[in-house]
Amino acid sequence: MSEQTPRDLFARFQRNALAGEAALDEEMLADDVVVEWPFGRVGHRRIKGREQVVAMTRAGREALPVVFEEFRDVMIHETADPEVIVAEYQMVATIPGSGKEAQAPFVVVLRARDGRIVHWREYQDQAMIAEALS
């Protein structure tokens, strides 16, 4: 894998999600990657290690009954640290069977080193996601 920037890795995340795959794939993650959801459920706010993250993202993708259609209003902010970007976006999905379209806002702080993600901190509107899936 060539040296990928944080922007490149975020674009790969988008392509994977829209292709119906686990959005964070094995090749884009450092061995000791940390993924966090500061507003997640207690006990589900942090996971560490490539194997654990890959297993979690694959299981999550299989369990989530949506088809991701597009990313809207994507804004990527550079930071003073070249390893870090902040991405804001709306993720749009369709619920199979109902045809219902829903969207939810996200903010991700992505840190990459040596072409791989070492830290992914994701903020999401969990109430909006739960409502869309109900």
C-alpha atoms as a PDB file:
ATOM      1  CA  MET A   1       0.000   0.000   0.000  1.00  0.00           C
ATOM      2  CA  SER A   2       1.403   3.398  -0.927  1.00  0.00           C
ATOM      3  CA  GLU A   3       1.701   6.123   1.664  1.00  0.00           C
ATOM      4  CA  GLN A   4      -1.834   7.425   2.145  1.00  0.00           C
ATOM      5  CA  THR A   5      -2.709  10.768   3.671  1.00  0.00           C
ATOM      6  CA  PRO A   6      -5.518  11.219   6.204  1.00  0.00           C
ATOM      7  CA  ARG A   7      -7.667  12.582   3.338  1.00  0.00           C
ATOM      8  CA  ASP A   8      -6.911   9.492   1.220  1.00  0.00           C
ATOM      9  CA  LEU A   9      -7.902   7.227   4.084  1.00  0.00           C
ATOM     10  CA  PHE A  10     -11.147   9.124   4.661  1.00  0.00           C
ATOM     11  CA  ALA A  11     -11.962   8.814   0.943  1.00  0.00           C
ATOM     12  CA  ARG A  12     -11.321   5.059   1.161  1.00  0.00           C
ATOM     13  CA  PHE A  13     -13.641   4.877   4.181  1.00  0.00           C
ATOM     14  CA  GLN A  14     -16.332   6.569   2.053  1.00  0.00           C
ATOM     15  CA  ARG A  15     -15.826   4.220  -0.910  1.00  0.00           C
ATOM     16  CA  ASN A  16     -15.973   1.157   1.341  1.00  0.00           C
ATOM     17  CA  ALA A  17     -19.174   2.332   3.059  1.00  0.00           C
ATOM     18  CA  LEU A  18     -20.903   3.100  -0.245  1.00  0.00           C
ATOM     19  CA  ALA A  19     -19.840  -0.296  -1.624  1.00  0.00           C
ATOM     20  CA  GLY A  20     -21.624  -2.017   1.274  1.00  0.00           C
ATOM     21  CA  GLU A  21     -18.372  -3.190   2.832  1.00  0.00           C
ATOM     22  CA  ALA A  22     -16.918  -2.671   6.285  1.00  0.00           C
ATOM     23  CA  ALA A  23     -15.981   1.004   6.106  1.00  0.00           C
ATOM     24  CA  LEU A  24     -12.678   0.549   7.946  1.00  0.00           C
ATOM     25  CA  ASP A  25     -10.775  -2.248   6.241  1.00  0.00           C
ATOM     26  CA  GLU A  26      -7.726  -4.137   7.460  1.00  0.00           C
ATOM     27  CA  GLU A  27      -5.208  -2.535   5.101  1.00  0.00           C
ATOM     28  CA  MET A  28      -6.027   0.993   6.189  1.00  0.00           C
ATOM     29  CA  LEU A  29      -5.562   0.360   9.932  1.00  0.00           C
ATOM     30  CA  ALA A  30      -2.400   0.373  12.050  1.00  0.00           C
ATOM     31  CA  ASP A  31      -1.815  -2.691  14.224  1.00  0.00           C
ATOM     32  CA  ASP A  32      -2.546  -0.688  17.389  1.00  0.00           C
ATOM     33  CA  VAL A  33      -5.395   1.443  15.986  1.00  0.00           C
ATOM     34  CA  VAL A  34      -7.832   2.936  18.496  1.00  0.00           C
ATOM     35  CA  VAL A  35     -11.452   3.650  17.541  1.00  0.00           C
ATOM     36  CA  GLU A  36     -13.594   5.704  19.915  1.00  0.00           C
ATOM     37  CA  TRP A  37     -17.214   6.854  20.152  1.00  0.00           C
ATOM     38  CA  PRO A  38     -17.214   9.341  23.066  1.00  0.00           C
ATOM     39  CA  PHE A  39     -21.033   9.461  23.115  1.00  0.00           C
ATOM     40  CA  GLY A  40     -21.524   5.730  22.617  1.00  0.00           C
ATOM     41  CA  ARG A  41     -23.155   3.361  25.068  1.00  0.00           C
ATOM     42  CA  VAL A  42     -21.229   2.631  28.228  1.00  0.00           C
ATOM     43  CA  GLY A  43     -18.947  -0.316  27.550  1.00  0.00           C
ATOM     44  CA  HIS A  44     -18.975   0.419  23.799  1.00  0.00           C
ATOM     45  CA  ARG A  45     -16.952   3.612  23.605  1.00  0.00           C
ATOM     46  CA  ARG A  46     -13.478   2.349  22.693  1.00  0.00           C
ATOM     47  CA  ILE A  47     -11.880  -0.534  20.850  1.00  0.00           C
ATOM     48  CA  LYS A  48      -8.181  -1.135  20.261  1.00  0.00           C
ATOM     49  CA  GLY A  49      -6.262  -3.260  17.783  1.00  0.00           C
ATOM     50  CA  ARG A  50      -6.622  -3.955  14.079  1.00  0.00           C
ATOM     51  CA  GLU A  51      -8.147  -7.431  14.464  1.00  0.00           C
ATOM     52  CA  GLN A  52     -10.743  -6.229  16.971  1.00  0.00           C
ATOM     53  CA  VAL A  53     -11.692  -3.193  14.870  1.00  0.00           C
ATOM     54  CA  VAL A  54     -11.982  -5.247  11.675  1.00  0.00           C
ATOM     55  CA  ALA A  55     -14.150  -7.867  13.410  1.00  0.00           C
ATOM     56  CA  MET A  56     -16.362  -5.159  14.917  1.00  0.00           C
ATOM     57  CA  THR A  57     -16.783  -3.240  11.656  1.00  0.00           C
ATOM     58  CA  ARG A  58     -17.590  -6.390   9.665  1.00  0.00           C
ATOM     59  CA  ALA A  59     -20.149  -7.521  12.239  1.00  0.00           C
ATOM     60  CA  GLY A  60     -21.610  -4.025  12.428  1.00  0.00           C
ATOM     61  CA  ARG A  61     -21.949  -3.771   8.663  1.00  0.00           C
ATOM     62  CA  GLU A  62     -23.680  -7.166   8.475  1.00  0.00           C
ATOM     63  CA  ALA A  63     -26.060  -6.283  11.315  1.00  0.00           C
ATOM     64  CA  LEU A  64     -26.990  -2.788  10.114  1.00  0.00           C
ATOM     65  CA  PRO A  65     -30.087  -3.034   7.921  1.00  0.00           C
ATOM     66  CA  VAL A  66     -29.326  -0.068   5.638  1.00  0.00           C
ATOM     67  CA  VAL A  67     -27.862   0.671   2.237  1.00  0.00           C
ATOM     68  CA  PHE A  68     -25.587   3.691   2.340  1.00  0.00           C
ATOM     69  CA  GLU A  69     -26.434   5.900  -0.617  1.00  0.00           C
ATOM     70  CA  GLU A  70     -24.209   8.946  -0.284  1.00  0.00           C
ATOM     71  CA  PHE A  71     -22.206  11.294   1.865  1.00  0.00           C
ATOM     72  CA  ARG A  72     -23.626  14.829   1.875  1.00  0.00           C
ATOM     73  CA  ASP A  73     -22.213  18.139   3.019  1.00  0.00           C
ATOM     74  CA  VAL A  74     -18.710  16.726   3.458  1.00  0.00           C
ATOM     75  CA  MET A  75     -16.298  19.230   4.944  1.00  0.00           C
ATOM     76  CA  ILE A  76     -12.737  18.216   5.714  1.00  0.00           C
ATOM     77  CA  HIS A  77     -10.743  20.477   7.988  1.00  0.00           C
ATOM     78  CA  GLU A  78      -6.963  20.398   8.030  1.00  0.00           C
ATOM     79  CA  THR A  79      -5.314  20.895  11.403  1.00  0.00           C
ATOM     80  CA  ALA A  80      -1.952  22.210  12.535  1.00  0.00           C
ATOM     81  CA  ASP A  81      -0.909  18.547  12.822  1.00  0.00           C
ATOM     82  CA  PRO A  82      -0.411  17.013   9.344  1.00  0.00           C
ATOM     83  CA  GLU A  83      -1.410  13.599  10.731  1.00  0.00           C
ATOM     84  CA  VAL A  84      -4.898  14.828  11.698  1.00  0.00           C
ATOM     85  CA  ILE A  85      -8.028  15.881   9.829  1.00  0.00           C
ATOM     86  CA  VAL A  86     -11.542  16.558  11.067  1.00  0.00           C
ATOM     87  CA  ALA A  87     -14.326  15.440   8.734  1.00  0.00           C
ATOM     88  CA  GLU A  88     -17.942  16.562   9.046  1.00  0.00           C
ATOM     89  CA  TYR A  89     -20.617  14.894   6.948  1.00  0.00           C
ATOM     90  CA  GLN A  90     -24.156  13.623   6.642  1.00  0.00           C
ATOM     91  CA  MET A  91     -24.476   9.941   5.854  1.00  0.00           C
ATOM     92  CA  VAL A  92     -27.560   9.098   3.790  1.00  0.00           C
ATOM     93  CA  ALA A  93     -29.024   5.602   3.783  1.00  0.00           C
ATOM     94  CA  THR A  94     -32.083   3.723   2.596  1.00  0.00           C
ATOM     95  CA  ILE A  95     -33.843   1.161   4.770  1.00  0.00           C
ATOM     96  CA  PRO A  96     -34.454  -1.938   2.596  1.00  0.00           C
ATOM     97  CA  GLY A  97     -38.035  -3.129   2.492  1.00  0.00           C
ATOM     98  CA  SER A  98     -39.488   0.228   3.471  1.00  0.00           C
ATOM     99  CA  GLY A  99     -37.562   2.363   0.999  1.00  0.00           C
ATOM    100  CA  LYS A 100     -37.349   4.966   3.743  1.00  0.00           C
ATOM    101  CA  GLU A 101     -34.430   7.360   3.345  1.00  0.00           C
ATOM    102  CA  ALA A 102     -32.702   8.677   6.426  1.00  0.00           C
ATOM    103  CA  GLN A 103     -29.612  10.701   7.176  1.00  0.00           C
ATOM    104  CA  ALA A 104     -27.543  11.426  10.224  1.00  0.00           C
ATOM    105  CA  PRO A 105     -24.681  13.824  10.957  1.00  0.00           C
ATOM    106  CA  PHE A 106     -21.200  12.644  11.898  1.00  0.00           C
ATOM    107  CA  VAL A 107     -17.902  14.209  12.871  1.00  0.00           C
ATOM    108  CA  VAL A 108     -14.696  12.185  12.717  1.00  0.00           C
ATOM    109  CA  VAL A 109     -11.260  13.093  13.994  1.00  0.00           C
ATOM    110  CA  LEU A 110      -8.826  10.922  12.041  1.00  0.00           C
ATOM    111  CA  ARG A 111      -5.134  10.525  12.834  1.00  0.00           C
ATOM    112  CA  ALA A 112      -2.939   8.673  10.336  1.00  0.00           C
ATOM    113  CA  ARG A 113       0.706   7.749  10.549  1.00  0.00           C
ATOM    114  CA  ASP A 114       2.783   5.918   7.945  1.00  0.00           C
ATOM    115  CA  GLY A 115      -0.240   5.679   5.651  1.00  0.00           C
ATOM    116  CA  ARG A 116      -2.532   3.960   8.168  1.00  0.00           C
ATOM    117  CA  ILE A 117      -5.189   5.094  10.613  1.00  0.00           C
ATOM    118  CA  VAL A 118      -3.892   5.075  14.184  1.00  0.00           C
ATOM    119  CA  HIS A 119      -6.864   6.837  15.816  1.00  0.00           C
ATOM    120  CA  TRP A 120     -10.475   7.319  14.720  1.00  0.00           C
ATOM    121  CA  ARG A 121     -12.758   9.299  17.039  1.00  0.00           C
ATOM    122  CA  GLU A 122     -16.345   9.404  15.814  1.00  0.00           C
ATOM    123  CA  TYR A 123     -19.166  11.612  17.033  1.00  0.00           C
ATOM    124  CA  GLN A 124     -22.620  10.647  15.792  1.00  0.00           C
ATOM    125  CA  ASP A 125     -26.229  11.580  16.439  1.00  0.00           C
ATOM    126  CA  GLN A 126     -27.280   8.307  18.037  1.00  0.00           C
ATOM    127  CA  ALA A 127     -30.854   9.474  18.665  1.00  0.00           C
ATOM    128  CA  MET A 128     -31.308  10.294  14.974  1.00  0.00           C
ATOM    129  CA  ILE A 129     -29.846   6.927  13.965  1.00  0.00           C
ATOM    130  CA  ALA A 130     -32.133   5.054  16.374  1.00  0.00           C
ATOM    131  CA  GLU A 131     -35.154   6.962  15.066  1.00  0.00           C
ATOM    132  CA  ALA A 132     -34.277   6.155  11.453  1.00  0.00           C
ATOM    133  CA  LEU A 133     -33.989   2.456  12.254  1.00  0.00           C
ATOM    134  CA  SER A 134     -37.257   2.293  14.222  1.00  0.00           C
END
